[in-house]
Amino acid sequence: MSYLGVETSLTGRRWIGPGVDVMRAAETLQQQSQLPPAVCQVLARRGVVAAEAEGFLAPSLRDLLPDPQTLKDMTKAAKRFISAIQNRERIAIFADYDVDGGSSAALLISWLRDMGRTATLYVPDRIDEGYGPNDEAMAHLAAEHDLIVCVDCGTLSHGPLAAAKGADVIVLDHHLGGEELPPALAVVNPNRQDESGEIGHLCAAAVVFLMLVEVRRLLREDGTSSPDLMSLLDLVALATVADVAPLIGVNRAFVRQGLTVMARRNRVGLTALADEAGLDTAPTAYHLGFVLGPRVNAGGRIGAADLGARLLSTDDPHEAAALSERLEALNKERRDIETAVRAAALAQAEERGLDGGLVWAAGAGWHPGVVGIVASRLKETAGRPSIVIGIEDGIGKGSGRSISGIDLGQPIQRLAAEGLLIKGGGHKMAAGLTVEETKIEAAMSRLNELLEKQGAHERGAADLRVDGMLMPQAASVDMVELIENAGPFGASAPAPRYVFADMAIRFAKRVGENHLKVSFGGDAASMDAICFNAFDGPIGPALQDHGGKRFHLAGRLDINIWRGRRSVQLRLEDVTLA
């Protein structure tokens, strides 16, 4: 049964409320734990019982951190890394150009700097070199270095790693592995085929952090001191959220404690970026994913590929300020390019149909740096796994994003094995591919078939899940802070969504390019809301020209700080006439 009888909202979705089992579990949890009802609702949805509640609300990295030695090749990698440090060998870091790659590289560069060592940073150009190691770059690095550490890449790079003659190679990655490992000294990856997969939800930066934990243990055995690892958790948190790693298990502890570290503003690169973005409050997981992450990514998407990693690893405030300013400008340019590609991709996908197991679009000249973002937009619109491909000189380079419960990386890898792709790989929630233009239709048809076997065609944007109903006077700052204790919220751990029923629109104004600022209320109180990209769909026009109509409003709660005053704000996601 639909919630409040909403079968079709303005965005075409049916609203679904919490099931009877969740409501009963929340009532039981409240009786046994004496926690506030709103918190119990969130915990019940996550399957947390009373005995686990205290530990869940205060996740301890000490209790949740996996033993690094459980990962294959970990000790071998750590010992080789230590040997390179002690013998003052020349070290190169080959990193992916996204936030996870940049954060992974910054982890190693920052740690090495504290040990009095340096490393060469190499980030491939997205357009000229593509994702991951390539023969020319690896051969060049090997000629001038003794050890190459590939971070957030390398697991499937058999040829390029073989080209690194004369140097040892360590791979620290999290992308799905193939049947055979590349010719590296060590491949540390929780998603190797011979791993259990129990910690396959880690991003690459978390894998790098685990190696540094093992390095610290080995150095301690020899009586050697090493840098404070807790101070590096801001980088692990940023990568975890930006790479859409599920916020479960140790990932929750990484992000919770990483946000605390970030709030101290000790990393000059992140501080400069936050200031450039106008972020004047303590960061949240939302800020990592939607404010800081896109700006770090901007260099790899449409500018110099190494800008993000350089920003995150620098200890020079002047360099940090210059890099942040450049990334801010690139991010604005990226948004303009994205807007054009998104409109074309959405029109093409809608014409093809949004009801299969896969939503996809391909176009000549689409910038490869924005296809991943546009794929995310298609995924959000259709509630389906999505692929967007830019075509240049007969070759398509694409990026895909998946939805919870549907593995995209494995089918992409299978397509590569079947010869439909030149190459492809990734993980469950995101993947990349290269394909001949003449094979795009066949490859996407096959991918749709594989995703439908997972039930992707049965998902969709038709359902919006809500956790309950609130009135404006009940949505207090104290209540939102209590709910935040059950966070952080993100992938696989969505923030609770509430409905404000039968609300009058008291004020509505377009802000920025296509956002909407709203004030709404019932008979007793009012509150503010912000709807991002409201004018990309029907919500903006409907509320701006409301004509006195009353609405049910659905969204998530934030704390807004303006001139020192803290108030609750609704991040509006869906609307229907009351």
Protein backbone atom coordinates (compact mmCIF):
# COMPACT_ATOMS: atom_id res chain seq x y z
CA MET A 1 0.00 0.00 0.00
CA SER A 2 1.30 3.46 -0.88
CA TYR A 3 2.12 6.00 1.83
CA LEU A 4 -0.59 8.70 2.18
CA GLY A 5 -2.16 7.17 -0.90
CA VAL A 6 0.54 8.63 -3.16
CA GLU A 7 0.67 6.36 -6.18
CA THR A 8 2.18 8.92 -8.56
CA SER A 9 4.00 12.00 -7.28
CA LEU A 10 5.00 14.96 -9.42
CA THR A 11 8.15 13.04 -10.36
CA GLY A 12 6.15 9.91 -11.16
CA ARG A 13 6.97 7.92 -8.04
CA ARG A 14 4.90 5.92 -5.60
CA TRP A 15 5.61 6.60 -1.95
CA ILE A 16 6.27 3.57 0.25
CA GLY A 17 6.37 3.78 4.04
CA PRO A 18 8.16 1.55 6.55
CA GLY A 19 6.94 -2.02 6.78
CA VAL A 20 5.12 -3.40 9.79
CA ASP A 21 8.20 -5.40 10.79
CA VAL A 22 10.36 -2.25 10.89
CA MET A 23 7.76 -0.35 12.91
CA ARG A 24 7.49 -3.18 15.44
CA ALA A 25 11.28 -3.50 15.66
CA ALA A 26 11.53 0.27 16.30
CA GLU A 27 8.94 0.06 19.10
CA THR A 28 10.78 -2.87 20.70
CA LEU A 29 14.12 -1.09 20.40
CA GLN A 30 12.71 2.02 22.05
CA GLN A 31 11.29 0.02 24.95
CA GLN A 32 14.57 -1.83 25.53
CA SER A 33 17.05 0.99 24.92
CA GLN A 34 15.15 4.16 25.91
CA LEU A 35 16.55 5.83 22.79
CA PRO A 36 14.48 8.54 21.04
CA PRO A 37 11.83 7.22 18.62
CA ALA A 38 13.41 8.90 15.58
CA VAL A 39 16.74 7.20 16.28
CA CYS A 40 15.04 3.84 16.87
CA GLN A 41 13.34 4.09 13.48
CA VAL A 42 16.69 4.52 11.74
CA LEU A 43 18.33 1.70 13.71
CA ALA A 44 15.42 -0.65 13.09
CA ARG A 45 15.64 -0.02 9.35
CA ARG A 46 19.32 -0.97 9.54
CA GLY A 47 18.49 -4.18 11.45
CA VAL A 48 20.18 -3.03 14.67
CA VAL A 49 18.83 -4.61 17.88
CA ALA A 50 19.06 -3.18 21.41
CA ALA A 51 22.19 -5.11 22.36
CA GLU A 52 24.03 -3.66 19.34
CA ALA A 53 22.69 -0.10 19.53
CA GLU A 54 25.40 1.42 21.73
CA GLY A 55 28.22 0.08 19.58
CA PHE A 56 26.46 1.10 16.38
CA LEU A 57 25.94 4.68 17.54
CA ALA A 58 29.61 5.02 18.48
CA PRO A 59 31.53 2.88 15.96
CA SER A 60 35.07 2.19 17.12
CA LEU A 61 37.84 1.91 14.56
CA ARG A 62 39.79 -0.20 17.04
CA ASP A 63 36.94 -2.74 17.20
CA LEU A 64 35.98 -2.68 13.51
CA LEU A 65 39.35 -2.40 11.73
CA PRO A 66 40.15 -5.64 9.87
CA ASP A 67 43.46 -7.34 10.51
CA PRO A 68 45.57 -6.24 7.51
CA GLN A 69 47.29 -9.62 7.41
CA THR A 70 44.03 -11.30 6.40
CA LEU A 71 44.51 -9.79 2.93
CA LYS A 72 46.70 -11.81 0.63
CA ASP A 73 50.11 -10.31 -0.24
CA MET A 74 49.74 -7.69 2.51
CA THR A 75 52.81 -8.65 4.53
CA LYS A 76 54.85 -8.99 1.34
CA ALA A 77 53.77 -5.51 0.21
CA ALA A 78 54.44 -3.91 3.60
CA LYS A 79 57.92 -5.46 3.92
CA ARG A 80 58.89 -4.34 0.40
CA PHE A 81 57.63 -0.82 1.13
CA ILE A 82 59.67 -0.68 4.34
CA SER A 83 62.74 -1.97 2.51
CA ALA A 84 62.42 0.83 -0.04
CA ILE A 85 62.23 3.41 2.76
CA GLN A 86 65.14 2.03 4.74
CA ASN A 87 67.37 1.70 1.67
CA ARG A 88 66.36 5.12 0.34
CA GLU A 89 65.15 3.61 -2.91
CA ARG A 90 63.38 5.65 -5.55
CA ILE A 91 59.60 5.25 -5.15
CA ALA A 92 56.90 6.14 -7.70
CA ILE A 93 53.16 6.23 -7.05
CA PHE A 94 50.89 5.56 -10.02
CA ALA A 95 47.38 6.73 -9.09
CA ASP A 96 43.97 6.81 -10.69
CA TYR A 97 42.68 10.30 -11.50
CA ASP A 98 39.57 10.25 -9.30
CA VAL A 99 39.10 11.14 -5.62
CA ASP A 100 39.90 7.63 -4.42
CA GLY A 101 43.10 7.53 -6.44
CA GLY A 102 44.11 11.02 -5.38
CA SER A 103 43.39 10.30 -1.72
CA SER A 104 45.31 7.01 -1.92
CA ALA A 105 48.33 8.76 -3.42
CA ALA A 106 48.12 11.56 -0.83
CA LEU A 107 48.08 9.00 1.98
CA LEU A 108 51.39 7.56 0.82
CA ILE A 109 52.99 10.91 -0.04
CA SER A 110 52.00 12.46 3.31
CA TRP A 111 53.20 9.41 5.26
CA LEU A 112 56.49 9.27 3.38
CA ARG A 113 57.05 13.00 3.91
CA ASP A 114 56.66 12.53 7.66
CA MET A 115 59.29 9.79 7.40
CA GLY A 116 61.65 12.17 5.59
CA ARG A 117 61.16 10.49 2.21
CA THR A 118 59.72 11.62 -1.11
CA ALA A 119 57.96 9.87 -3.99
CA THR A 120 57.23 10.62 -7.63
CA LEU A 121 53.54 11.08 -8.36
CA TYR A 122 52.18 9.91 -11.73
CA VAL A 123 48.52 10.29 -12.67
CA PRO A 124 47.55 9.30 -16.23
CA ASP A 125 45.65 11.70 -18.45
CA ARG A 126 42.04 10.55 -18.79
CA ILE A 127 41.83 11.29 -22.52
CA ASP A 128 45.35 10.55 -23.77
CA GLU A 129 46.13 7.54 -21.58
CA GLY A 130 42.82 6.34 -20.16
CA TYR A 131 42.28 4.52 -16.89
CA GLY A 132 45.05 2.62 -15.19
CA PRO A 133 48.67 1.81 -16.00
CA ASN A 134 49.86 1.83 -19.60
CA ASP A 135 52.98 0.32 -21.16
CA GLU A 136 54.80 3.57 -21.92
CA ALA A 137 54.25 5.16 -18.51
CA MET A 138 55.20 2.04 -16.57
CA ALA A 139 58.33 1.46 -18.63
CA HIS A 140 59.37 5.09 -18.10
CA LEU A 141 58.76 4.94 -14.34
CA ALA A 142 60.57 1.62 -14.03
CA ALA A 143 63.65 3.06 -15.73
CA GLU A 144 63.98 5.72 -13.04
CA HIS A 145 62.56 4.04 -9.91
CA ASP A 146 63.11 0.93 -7.84
CA LEU A 147 59.54 0.53 -6.58
CA ILE A 148 56.22 1.49 -8.21
CA VAL A 149 53.06 1.48 -6.10
CA CYS A 150 49.85 1.43 -8.14
CA VAL A 151 46.89 2.74 -6.14
CA ASP A 152 43.22 2.38 -7.13
CA CYS A 153 44.28 0.64 -10.32
CA GLY A 154 46.49 -2.14 -11.66
CA THR A 155 44.59 -5.32 -10.82
CA LEU A 156 43.78 -6.02 -14.49
CA SER A 157 46.89 -4.36 -16.00
CA HIS A 158 48.83 -7.44 -17.02
CA GLY A 159 50.68 -5.95 -19.99
CA PRO A 160 51.60 -2.59 -18.47
CA LEU A 161 52.90 -4.16 -15.27
CA ALA A 162 55.01 -6.54 -17.34
CA ALA A 163 56.47 -3.47 -19.06
CA ALA A 164 57.85 -2.19 -15.72
CA LYS A 165 61.11 -4.05 -16.18
CA GLY A 166 63.74 -3.53 -13.52
CA ALA A 167 61.35 -2.25 -10.84
CA ASP A 168 59.16 -4.02 -8.32
CA VAL A 169 55.44 -3.23 -8.49
CA ILE A 170 52.93 -3.26 -5.63
CA VAL A 171 49.22 -2.97 -6.42
CA LEU A 172 46.87 -1.55 -3.76
CA ASP A 173 43.42 -1.69 -5.31
CA HIS A 174 39.77 -2.61 -4.79
CA HIS A 175 38.47 -3.18 -8.31
CA LEU A 176 37.27 -6.64 -9.30
CA GLY A 177 40.10 -9.00 -10.13
CA GLY A 178 40.31 -11.45 -13.00
CA GLU A 179 41.13 -15.14 -13.00
CA GLU A 180 44.86 -14.37 -13.22
CA LEU A 181 46.80 -11.76 -11.30
CA PRO A 182 49.12 -9.31 -13.07
CA PRO A 183 52.91 -9.79 -12.83
CA ALA A 184 53.42 -7.74 -9.66
CA LEU A 185 55.41 -8.40 -6.52
CA ALA A 186 52.20 -8.01 -4.50
CA VAL A 187 48.54 -7.44 -5.34
CA VAL A 188 46.62 -6.36 -2.25
CA ASN A 189 42.96 -6.22 -3.13
CA PRO A 190 39.93 -7.42 -1.12
CA ASN A 191 38.19 -8.10 -4.45
CA ARG A 192 40.74 -10.54 -5.80
CA GLN A 193 38.96 -13.70 -6.87
CA ASP A 194 40.83 -15.71 -4.25
CA GLU A 195 39.71 -13.40 -1.41
CA SER A 196 36.63 -14.03 0.71
CA GLY A 197 35.06 -10.69 -0.23
CA GLU A 198 34.13 -9.98 3.39
CA ILE A 199 35.76 -6.56 3.20
CA GLY A 200 35.19 -6.05 -0.50
CA HIS A 201 33.32 -2.84 0.35
CA LEU A 202 36.58 -1.01 1.08
CA CYS A 203 37.73 1.73 -1.27
CA ALA A 204 41.35 1.85 -2.44
CA ALA A 205 42.33 4.50 0.12
CA ALA A 206 41.15 2.16 2.88
CA VAL A 207 43.34 -0.61 1.43
CA VAL A 208 46.30 1.80 1.42
CA PHE A 209 45.51 2.71 5.03
CA LEU A 210 45.51 -0.98 5.99
CA MET A 211 48.94 -1.40 4.41
CA LEU A 212 50.22 1.54 6.45
CA VAL A 213 48.77 -0.12 9.56
CA GLU A 214 50.75 -3.25 8.73
CA VAL A 215 53.86 -1.17 8.00
CA ARG A 216 53.48 0.49 11.38
CA ARG A 217 53.23 -2.90 13.11
CA LEU A 218 56.38 -4.19 11.40
CA LEU A 219 58.32 -1.01 12.16
CA ARG A 220 57.24 -1.14 15.80
CA GLU A 221 58.63 -4.68 16.04
CA ASP A 222 62.00 -3.25 15.00
CA GLY A 223 61.71 -0.38 17.45
CA THR A 224 61.19 2.21 14.72
CA SER A 225 58.64 4.99 15.20
CA SER A 226 56.31 6.00 12.37
CA PRO A 227 53.76 8.77 11.65
CA ASP A 228 50.38 9.06 13.34
CA LEU A 229 47.89 7.17 11.19
CA MET A 230 44.78 8.65 12.77
CA SER A 231 45.62 12.02 11.23
CA LEU A 232 45.25 10.42 7.78
CA LEU A 233 41.64 9.38 8.27
CA ASP A 234 40.32 12.57 6.65
CA LEU A 235 41.66 11.25 3.34
CA VAL A 236 40.16 7.79 3.90
CA ALA A 237 36.77 9.36 4.74
CA LEU A 238 36.81 11.56 1.65
CA ALA A 239 37.65 8.64 -0.63
CA THR A 240 35.09 6.32 0.99
CA VAL A 241 32.21 8.72 0.46
CA ALA A 242 33.29 10.09 -2.93
CA ASP A 243 33.80 6.58 -4.32
CA VAL A 244 30.29 5.63 -3.14
CA ALA A 245 31.60 2.83 -0.95
CA PRO A 246 28.81 1.45 1.24
CA LEU A 247 28.78 3.01 4.70
CA ILE A 248 28.74 -0.27 6.58
CA GLY A 249 31.15 -1.92 9.01
CA VAL A 250 34.54 -0.26 9.26
CA ASN A 251 33.61 2.24 6.54
CA ARG A 252 31.25 3.93 9.02
CA ALA A 253 34.10 4.28 11.51
CA PHE A 254 36.44 5.58 8.81
CA VAL A 255 33.99 8.31 7.86
CA ARG A 256 32.89 9.21 11.39
CA GLN A 257 36.45 9.60 12.66
CA GLY A 258 37.69 11.06 9.39
CA LEU A 259 35.14 13.87 9.63
CA THR A 260 36.38 14.65 13.13
CA VAL A 261 39.95 14.87 11.81
CA MET A 262 38.84 17.05 8.89
CA ALA A 263 37.03 19.47 11.22
CA ARG A 264 40.40 20.33 12.78
CA ARG A 265 41.44 21.88 9.42
CA ASN A 266 45.01 20.58 9.65
CA ARG A 267 45.28 19.43 6.03
CA VAL A 268 45.99 22.61 4.11
CA GLY A 269 44.67 21.29 0.80
CA LEU A 270 41.26 20.33 2.13
CA THR A 271 41.07 23.52 4.17
CA ALA A 272 41.78 25.66 1.10
CA LEU A 273 39.25 23.69 -0.96
CA ALA A 274 36.57 24.05 1.71
CA ASP A 275 37.20 27.79 1.89
CA GLU A 276 37.10 28.12 -1.90
CA ALA A 277 33.76 26.27 -1.94
CA GLY A 278 32.34 28.55 0.78
CA LEU A 279 32.00 25.70 3.27
CA ASP A 280 31.86 27.48 6.62
CA THR A 281 30.64 24.65 8.85
CA ALA A 282 32.13 21.40 10.08
CA PRO A 283 32.00 18.98 7.14
CA THR A 284 29.49 16.15 6.90
CA ALA A 285 29.35 13.09 4.69
CA TYR A 286 27.11 15.11 2.36
CA HIS A 287 29.85 17.71 1.93
CA LEU A 288 32.41 15.01 1.12
CA GLY A 289 30.23 13.59 -1.62
CA PHE A 290 28.68 16.71 -3.11
CA VAL A 291 30.93 19.68 -2.26
CA LEU A 292 34.55 18.59 -1.84
CA GLY A 293 34.58 15.39 -3.90
CA PRO A 294 33.43 16.93 -7.20
CA ARG A 295 36.03 19.68 -6.90
CA VAL A 296 38.88 17.23 -6.25
CA ASN A 297 37.63 15.24 -9.23
CA ALA A 298 37.48 18.24 -11.56
CA GLY A 299 41.16 18.11 -12.49
CA GLY A 300 40.98 14.48 -13.53
CA ARG A 301 37.80 15.09 -15.50
CA ILE A 302 38.64 18.10 -17.65
CA GLY A 303 41.97 19.55 -16.47
CA ALA A 304 45.40 18.36 -15.37
CA ALA A 305 44.91 14.85 -14.04
CA ASP A 306 47.19 15.22 -11.03
CA LEU A 307 45.65 18.39 -9.55
CA GLY A 308 43.50 16.55 -7.00
CA ALA A 309 46.30 14.35 -5.69
CA ARG A 310 48.65 17.34 -5.52
CA LEU A 311 46.12 19.37 -3.57
CA LEU A 312 45.44 16.58 -1.07
CA SER A 313 49.13 15.89 -0.47
CA THR A 314 50.62 19.39 -0.36
CA ASP A 315 51.78 20.96 2.89
CA ASP A 316 52.28 24.41 1.30
CA PRO A 317 49.35 26.80 2.00
CA HIS A 318 50.19 28.97 -1.03
CA GLU A 319 50.22 25.98 -3.39
CA ALA A 320 46.99 24.72 -1.79
CA ALA A 321 45.26 28.06 -2.38
CA ALA A 322 46.36 28.17 -6.02
CA LEU A 323 45.33 24.56 -6.69
CA SER A 324 41.94 25.06 -5.00
CA GLU A 325 41.22 28.15 -7.08
CA ARG A 326 42.08 26.26 -10.25
CA LEU A 327 39.95 23.26 -9.28
CA GLU A 328 37.01 25.55 -8.46
CA ALA A 329 37.22 27.08 -11.96
CA LEU A 330 37.50 23.64 -13.57
CA ASN A 331 34.51 22.41 -11.59
CA LYS A 332 32.38 25.25 -12.95
CA GLU A 333 33.54 24.43 -16.46
CA ARG A 334 32.77 20.77 -15.82
CA ARG A 335 29.21 21.64 -14.77
CA ASP A 336 28.62 23.51 -18.04
CA ILE A 337 29.87 20.56 -20.10
CA GLU A 338 27.87 18.15 -17.99
CA THR A 339 24.63 20.10 -18.49
CA ALA A 340 24.86 19.81 -22.27
CA VAL A 341 25.77 16.12 -22.27
CA ARG A 342 23.11 15.30 -19.66
CA ALA A 343 20.32 16.84 -21.73
CA ALA A 344 21.35 14.90 -24.84
CA ALA A 345 21.88 11.64 -22.95
CA LEU A 346 18.55 11.83 -21.13
CA ALA A 347 16.65 12.54 -24.33
CA GLN A 348 18.32 9.56 -26.02
CA ALA A 349 17.74 7.25 -23.06
CA GLU A 350 14.07 8.22 -22.77
CA GLU A 351 13.56 7.56 -26.47
CA ARG A 352 15.14 4.14 -26.04
CA GLY A 353 13.12 3.43 -22.90
CA LEU A 354 13.81 3.50 -19.17
CA ASP A 355 12.11 0.25 -18.18
CA GLY A 356 14.78 -2.36 -18.99
CA GLY A 357 17.62 -3.63 -16.86
CA LEU A 358 19.95 -0.95 -18.20
CA VAL A 359 19.61 2.70 -19.16
CA TRP A 360 22.27 3.89 -21.59
CA ALA A 361 23.22 6.59 -24.04
CA ALA A 362 26.15 7.22 -26.38
CA GLY A 363 27.17 10.26 -28.37
CA ALA A 364 30.00 11.57 -30.52
CA GLY A 365 32.16 14.18 -28.86
CA TRP A 366 30.77 13.69 -25.36
CA HIS A 367 33.60 14.57 -22.99
CA PRO A 368 34.88 11.40 -21.27
CA GLY A 369 35.41 13.41 -18.11
CA VAL A 370 31.68 13.90 -17.51
CA VAL A 371 30.16 10.62 -18.70
CA GLY A 372 30.40 9.14 -15.19
CA ILE A 373 28.52 12.05 -13.65
CA VAL A 374 25.86 11.90 -16.36
CA ALA A 375 25.55 8.16 -15.78
CA SER A 376 24.82 8.96 -12.12
CA ARG A 377 22.10 11.40 -13.19
CA LEU A 378 20.50 8.78 -15.45
CA LYS A 379 20.66 6.24 -12.65
CA GLU A 380 18.90 8.64 -10.28
CA THR A 381 16.24 9.47 -12.87
CA ALA A 382 15.46 5.91 -13.90
CA GLY A 383 16.38 3.92 -10.80
CA ARG A 384 18.32 1.56 -13.07
CA PRO A 385 22.02 0.84 -13.68
CA SER A 386 23.18 3.35 -16.27
CA ILE A 387 25.99 3.62 -18.84
CA VAL A 388 27.00 6.77 -20.73
CA ILE A 389 29.55 6.54 -23.57
CA GLY A 390 31.47 9.27 -25.37
CA ILE A 391 32.60 8.37 -28.90
CA GLU A 392 35.78 9.66 -30.57
CA ASP A 393 37.40 8.29 -33.74
CA GLY A 394 35.31 5.12 -33.71
CA ILE A 395 36.07 4.26 -30.07
CA GLY A 396 33.64 4.68 -27.21
CA LYS A 397 34.81 5.36 -23.66
CA GLY A 398 32.06 4.93 -21.12
CA SER A 399 31.32 4.96 -17.45
CA GLY A 400 28.58 3.25 -15.51
CA ARG A 401 26.82 3.59 -12.17
CA SER A 402 24.68 0.99 -10.48
CA ILE A 403 21.93 0.86 -7.88
CA SER A 404 21.95 -0.88 -4.53
CA GLY A 405 21.76 -4.66 -4.87
CA ILE A 406 22.84 -4.81 -8.52
CA ASP A 407 26.47 -5.69 -9.36
CA LEU A 408 27.64 -3.77 -12.44
CA GLY A 409 31.37 -4.53 -12.31
CA GLN A 410 31.14 -8.30 -12.82
CA PRO A 411 28.92 -8.13 -15.95
CA ILE A 412 31.20 -5.45 -17.44
CA GLN A 413 34.18 -7.72 -16.85
CA ARG A 414 32.26 -10.58 -18.46
CA LEU A 415 31.58 -8.50 -21.57
CA ALA A 416 35.30 -7.81 -21.89
CA ALA A 417 36.01 -11.56 -21.61
CA GLU A 418 33.40 -12.24 -24.30
CA GLY A 419 35.07 -9.80 -26.69
CA LEU A 420 32.28 -7.25 -26.79
CA LEU A 421 34.47 -4.66 -25.06
CA ILE A 422 38.06 -3.69 -25.72
CA LYS A 423 38.44 -3.51 -21.95
CA GLY A 424 36.27 -3.00 -18.92
CA GLY A 425 36.24 -3.34 -15.17
CA GLY A 426 35.25 -1.75 -11.91
CA HIS A 427 33.30 -2.73 -8.83
CA LYS A 428 29.68 -3.34 -7.91
CA MET A 429 28.54 0.28 -7.94
CA ALA A 430 30.72 1.80 -10.67
CA ALA A 431 32.57 0.61 -13.75
CA GLY A 432 34.35 1.85 -16.84
CA LEU A 433 34.64 0.46 -20.35
CA THR A 434 36.18 0.97 -23.77
CA VAL A 435 34.29 -0.33 -26.78
CA GLU A 436 34.40 -0.15 -30.57
CA GLU A 437 31.64 2.10 -31.88
CA THR A 438 30.30 -0.70 -34.08
CA LYS A 439 29.87 -2.97 -31.05
CA ILE A 440 28.10 -0.53 -28.71
CA GLU A 441 24.56 -1.72 -29.50
CA ALA A 442 25.47 -5.40 -29.11
CA ALA A 443 27.45 -4.78 -25.93
CA MET A 444 24.66 -2.79 -24.29
CA SER A 445 22.08 -5.39 -25.30
CA ARG A 446 24.16 -8.12 -23.71
CA LEU A 447 24.75 -6.03 -20.60
CA ASN A 448 21.02 -5.40 -20.29
CA GLU A 449 20.47 -9.15 -20.46
CA LEU A 450 22.97 -9.84 -17.69
CA LEU A 451 21.55 -7.09 -15.46
CA GLU A 452 17.99 -8.31 -15.95
CA LYS A 453 19.12 -11.70 -14.63
CA GLN A 454 19.94 -9.82 -11.40
CA GLY A 455 16.47 -8.27 -11.41
CA ALA A 456 17.54 -4.76 -12.40
CA HIS A 457 14.47 -4.32 -14.61
CA GLU A 458 12.25 -4.87 -11.58
CA ARG A 459 13.70 -1.83 -9.83
CA GLY A 460 12.94 1.73 -10.74
CA ALA A 461 12.11 5.29 -9.87
CA ALA A 462 8.50 4.30 -9.24
CA ASP A 463 9.08 3.95 -5.49
CA LEU A 464 10.25 6.58 -3.02
CA ARG A 465 10.81 5.11 0.41
CA VAL A 466 9.90 7.29 3.37
CA ASP A 467 10.46 6.66 7.06
CA GLY A 468 7.59 8.57 8.57
CA MET A 469 5.71 11.84 8.88
CA LEU A 470 6.72 15.00 10.72
CA MET A 471 5.29 18.43 11.41
CA PRO A 472 7.55 21.51 11.15
CA GLN A 473 7.39 22.15 14.89
CA ALA A 474 8.71 18.62 15.60
CA ALA A 475 11.72 18.94 13.29
CA SER A 476 14.10 20.46 15.84
CA VAL A 477 17.88 20.84 15.73
CA ASP A 478 18.13 18.47 18.70
CA MET A 479 16.15 15.83 16.84
CA VAL A 480 18.33 16.07 13.72
CA GLU A 481 21.48 15.80 15.84
CA LEU A 482 20.13 12.67 17.50
CA ILE A 483 19.41 11.14 14.10
CA GLU A 484 22.93 12.02 12.92
CA ASN A 485 24.27 9.75 15.68
CA ALA A 486 22.99 6.84 13.61
CA GLY A 487 25.02 8.04 10.63
CA PRO A 488 27.00 8.84 8.66
CA PHE A 489 24.56 8.38 5.83
CA GLY A 490 25.36 7.57 2.24
CA ALA A 491 25.65 4.55 -0.04
CA SER A 492 23.81 1.51 1.40
CA ALA A 493 22.92 3.63 4.44
CA PRO A 494 20.49 6.33 3.25
CA ALA A 495 19.51 9.12 5.60
CA PRO A 496 15.90 8.88 6.81
CA ARG A 497 13.36 10.57 4.60
CA TYR A 498 10.30 12.27 6.10
CA VAL A 499 7.02 13.57 4.74
CA PHE A 500 5.53 16.91 5.72
CA ALA A 501 1.86 16.52 4.87
CA ASP A 502 -0.69 19.10 3.73
CA MET A 503 1.73 22.05 3.68
CA ALA A 504 1.08 25.53 2.33
CA ILE A 505 3.86 27.15 0.30
CA ARG A 506 4.57 30.50 1.93
CA PHE A 507 7.59 31.49 -0.11
CA ALA A 508 9.28 30.07 -3.21
CA LYS A 509 12.23 31.57 -5.04
CA ARG A 510 14.57 30.33 -7.71
CA VAL A 511 18.20 30.46 -6.56
CA GLY A 512 21.32 29.88 -8.60
CA GLU A 513 20.80 28.36 -12.01
CA ASN A 514 18.02 25.88 -11.29
CA HIS A 515 17.60 25.40 -7.54
CA LEU A 516 14.55 26.37 -5.49
CA LYS A 517 14.35 27.87 -2.01
CA VAL A 518 11.03 27.28 -0.25
CA SER A 519 9.35 28.17 3.01
CA PHE A 520 6.38 25.98 3.91
CA GLY A 521 4.15 25.31 6.87
CA GLY A 522 0.98 24.05 8.37
CA ASP A 523 -1.24 25.96 10.74
CA ALA A 524 1.24 26.12 13.66
CA ALA A 525 4.77 26.56 12.32
CA SER A 526 6.87 26.83 9.19
CA MET A 527 10.32 25.74 8.03
CA ASP A 528 12.64 26.17 5.07
CA ALA A 529 13.53 23.76 2.29
CA ILE A 530 15.99 23.66 -0.57
CA CYS A 531 15.40 21.62 -3.72
CA PHE A 532 18.52 21.19 -5.83
CA ASN A 533 18.05 21.07 -9.62
CA ALA A 534 14.34 21.69 -9.05
CA PHE A 535 13.88 23.20 -12.50
CA ASP A 536 15.34 20.18 -14.27
CA GLY A 537 11.98 18.54 -13.54
CA PRO A 538 8.42 19.38 -12.47
CA ILE A 539 9.06 20.33 -8.82
CA GLY A 540 10.45 23.81 -9.45
CA PRO A 541 7.63 25.11 -11.68
CA ALA A 542 4.91 23.50 -9.53
CA LEU A 543 6.04 25.09 -6.26
CA GLN A 544 7.07 28.43 -7.73
CA ASP A 545 3.65 28.82 -9.35
CA HIS A 546 1.72 27.05 -6.60
CA GLY A 547 -1.42 29.22 -6.81
CA GLY A 548 -2.29 28.58 -3.18
CA LYS A 549 -2.37 24.80 -3.54
CA ARG A 550 -1.22 22.62 -0.63
CA PHE A 551 1.35 19.85 -1.00
CA HIS A 552 2.88 16.80 0.63
CA LEU A 553 6.66 17.33 0.71
CA ALA A 554 9.23 14.54 1.09
CA GLY A 555 12.92 14.86 1.82
CA ARG A 556 15.81 14.62 4.25
CA LEU A 557 16.66 16.91 7.14
CA ASP A 558 19.78 19.05 7.41
CA ILE A 559 21.01 21.64 9.88
CA ASN A 560 21.50 24.98 8.15
CA ILE A 561 23.81 27.57 9.72
CA TRP A 562 23.30 31.21 8.76
CA ARG A 563 25.06 34.03 10.60
CA GLY A 564 25.60 31.78 13.58
CA ARG A 565 21.95 30.70 13.80
CA ARG A 566 21.26 26.97 13.44
CA SER A 567 17.96 25.83 12.00
CA VAL A 568 16.50 22.72 10.40
CA GLN A 569 16.18 22.67 6.64
CA LEU A 570 14.46 20.09 4.44
CA ARG A 571 16.45 18.86 1.46
CA LEU A 572 13.38 18.44 -0.74
CA GLU A 573 13.31 15.39 -3.01
CA ASP A 574 9.71 14.83 -4.05
CA VAL A 575 6.33 16.55 -4.01
CA THR A 576 2.69 15.71 -4.61
CA LEU A 577 -0.54 17.64 -4.35
CA ALA A 578 -2.25 17.20 -1.00
